[in-house]
Amino acid sequence: QVQLVESGGGLVQPGGSLRLSCATSESIFSRYTLGWYRQAPGKQRELVADITNRGSTRYADSVKGRFTISRDNAKNTVYLQMDSLKPEDTAVYYCNARSVSFPINYWGKGTLVTVSS
């Protein structure tokens, strides 16, 4: 069973920072594109950022310049460093693993990020 274990969410003031982590197995980490999605109340789930197994990244326009996605190959973990957080970043953040060869997606359980003063 594929597991994506997220951590790092919480409450932060506007302008603050948080780092999300998502740990998985080596077989998933080395073969899949890993990413972060978010879903705010009443809104659809949207891509925040993702990173391929070769290190190519892409970001939603709304987070470019503020968020950074990275991979730690030794720990089979993907990170999302979130800086200059805004209230509109408040959402449940989900880790995703997407196969590049087959229509397969795996999801974590989600971690809540709340940006509020």
Protein backbone atom coordinates (compact mmCIF):
# COMPACT_ATOMS: atom_id res chain seq x y z
CA GLN A 1 0.00 0.00 0.00
CA VAL A 2 1.37 3.36 -1.04
CA GLN A 3 1.78 5.84 1.77
CA LEU A 4 2.36 9.54 1.58
CA VAL A 5 2.92 10.88 5.08
CA GLU A 6 2.55 14.64 5.40
CA SER A 7 3.61 16.89 8.25
CA GLY A 8 4.30 20.54 9.00
CA GLY A 9 0.96 22.28 8.80
CA GLY A 10 -0.33 24.67 11.42
CA LEU A 11 -1.28 28.24 12.25
CA VAL A 12 0.96 31.08 11.12
CA GLN A 13 0.60 34.83 10.93
CA PRO A 14 0.54 36.65 7.58
CA GLY A 15 4.08 37.11 6.32
CA GLY A 16 5.29 34.05 8.18
CA SER A 17 6.75 30.78 6.96
CA LEU A 18 6.02 27.08 7.18
CA ARG A 19 7.64 23.99 5.73
CA LEU A 20 5.57 20.98 4.73
CA SER A 21 7.10 17.53 4.40
CA CYS A 22 5.88 14.43 2.60
CA ALA A 23 7.66 11.14 3.10
CA THR A 24 7.10 8.08 0.95
CA SER A 25 8.75 4.86 -0.17
CA GLU A 26 11.84 4.75 -2.34
CA SER A 27 9.96 3.10 -5.21
CA ILE A 28 7.47 5.95 -5.38
CA PHE A 29 9.99 8.68 -4.73
CA SER A 30 12.33 7.61 -7.51
CA ARG A 31 9.72 7.03 -10.24
CA TYR A 32 6.88 9.47 -9.67
CA THR A 33 6.37 13.20 -9.99
CA LEU A 34 5.67 14.49 -6.49
CA GLY A 35 3.62 17.53 -5.76
CA TRP A 36 1.51 19.59 -3.42
CA TYR A 37 -2.10 20.51 -4.02
CA ARG A 38 -4.39 22.55 -1.83
CA GLN A 39 -8.08 22.91 -1.29
CA ALA A 40 -9.65 25.89 0.42
CA PRO A 41 -13.20 25.78 1.78
CA GLY A 42 -15.72 25.97 -1.04
CA LYS A 43 -13.05 25.76 -3.73
CA GLN A 44 -11.65 23.08 -6.01
CA ARG A 45 -8.38 21.37 -5.31
CA GLU A 46 -5.57 23.09 -7.18
CA LEU A 47 -1.94 22.41 -7.95
CA VAL A 48 0.50 24.40 -5.84
CA ALA A 49 3.81 22.97 -7.07
CA ASP A 50 5.33 19.74 -8.30
CA ILE A 51 8.74 18.28 -8.99
CA THR A 52 9.73 15.45 -11.30
CA ASN A 53 12.14 12.66 -10.42
CA ARG A 54 14.73 14.61 -12.41
CA GLY A 55 14.16 17.78 -10.42
CA SER A 56 12.12 19.87 -12.84
CA THR A 57 9.64 22.07 -11.02
CA ARG A 58 6.52 24.03 -11.77
CA TYR A 59 4.46 26.38 -9.64
CA ALA A 60 1.06 27.94 -9.59
CA ASP A 61 1.27 31.61 -10.50
CA SER A 62 -0.16 32.55 -7.12
CA VAL A 63 2.82 31.09 -5.24
CA LYS A 64 5.74 31.82 -7.57
CA GLY A 65 8.53 33.60 -5.74
CA ARG A 66 7.09 32.68 -2.32
CA PHE A 67 7.02 28.85 -2.26
CA THR A 68 9.82 26.42 -3.05
CA ILE A 69 9.44 22.70 -3.68
CA SER A 70 12.43 20.40 -3.21
CA ARG A 71 13.37 16.74 -2.86
CA ASP A 72 15.68 14.97 -0.44
CA ASN A 73 16.78 11.79 -2.17
CA ALA A 74 18.37 10.35 0.95
CA LYS A 75 15.14 10.66 2.95
CA ASN A 76 12.61 9.95 0.16
CA THR A 77 10.93 13.18 1.17
CA VAL A 78 9.57 16.15 -0.72
CA TYR A 79 9.29 19.55 0.93
CA LEU A 80 7.28 22.68 0.34
CA GLN A 81 8.87 25.76 1.86
CA MET A 82 6.23 28.46 2.13
CA ASP A 83 7.35 32.03 2.79
CA SER A 84 5.50 35.34 2.85
CA LEU A 85 2.29 33.52 3.60
CA LYS A 86 -1.01 35.25 2.95
CA PRO A 87 -4.48 34.59 4.35
CA GLU A 88 -5.52 33.31 0.92
CA ASP A 89 -2.97 30.49 1.29
CA THR A 90 -5.19 29.00 3.99
CA ALA A 91 -6.20 25.51 2.86
CA VAL A 92 -5.72 21.82 3.38
CA TYR A 93 -2.51 20.87 1.60
CA TYR A 94 -2.25 17.42 0.04
CA CYS A 95 0.82 15.54 -1.07
CA ASN A 96 0.44 13.83 -4.45
CA ALA A 97 2.44 11.22 -6.33
CA ARG A 98 1.70 10.96 -10.04
CA SER A 99 3.00 8.30 -12.39
CA VAL A 100 4.53 9.68 -15.58
CA SER A 101 3.75 6.46 -17.47
CA PHE A 102 0.31 5.41 -16.26
CA PRO A 103 -2.86 7.15 -15.09
CA ILE A 104 -2.05 6.55 -11.43
CA ASN A 105 -2.30 9.09 -8.62
CA TYR A 106 -1.74 8.66 -4.91
CA TRP A 107 -2.78 11.15 -2.26
CA GLY A 108 -1.83 11.89 1.30
CA LYS A 109 -4.45 12.60 3.95
CA GLY A 110 -3.76 16.32 3.96
CA THR A 111 -2.43 18.84 6.43
CA LEU A 112 -4.16 22.09 7.38
CA VAL A 113 -2.40 25.40 6.90
CA THR A 114 -4.09 28.44 8.44
CA VAL A 115 -2.73 31.92 7.83
CA SER A 116 -4.34 34.36 10.21
CA SER A 117 -3.50 37.10 12.66
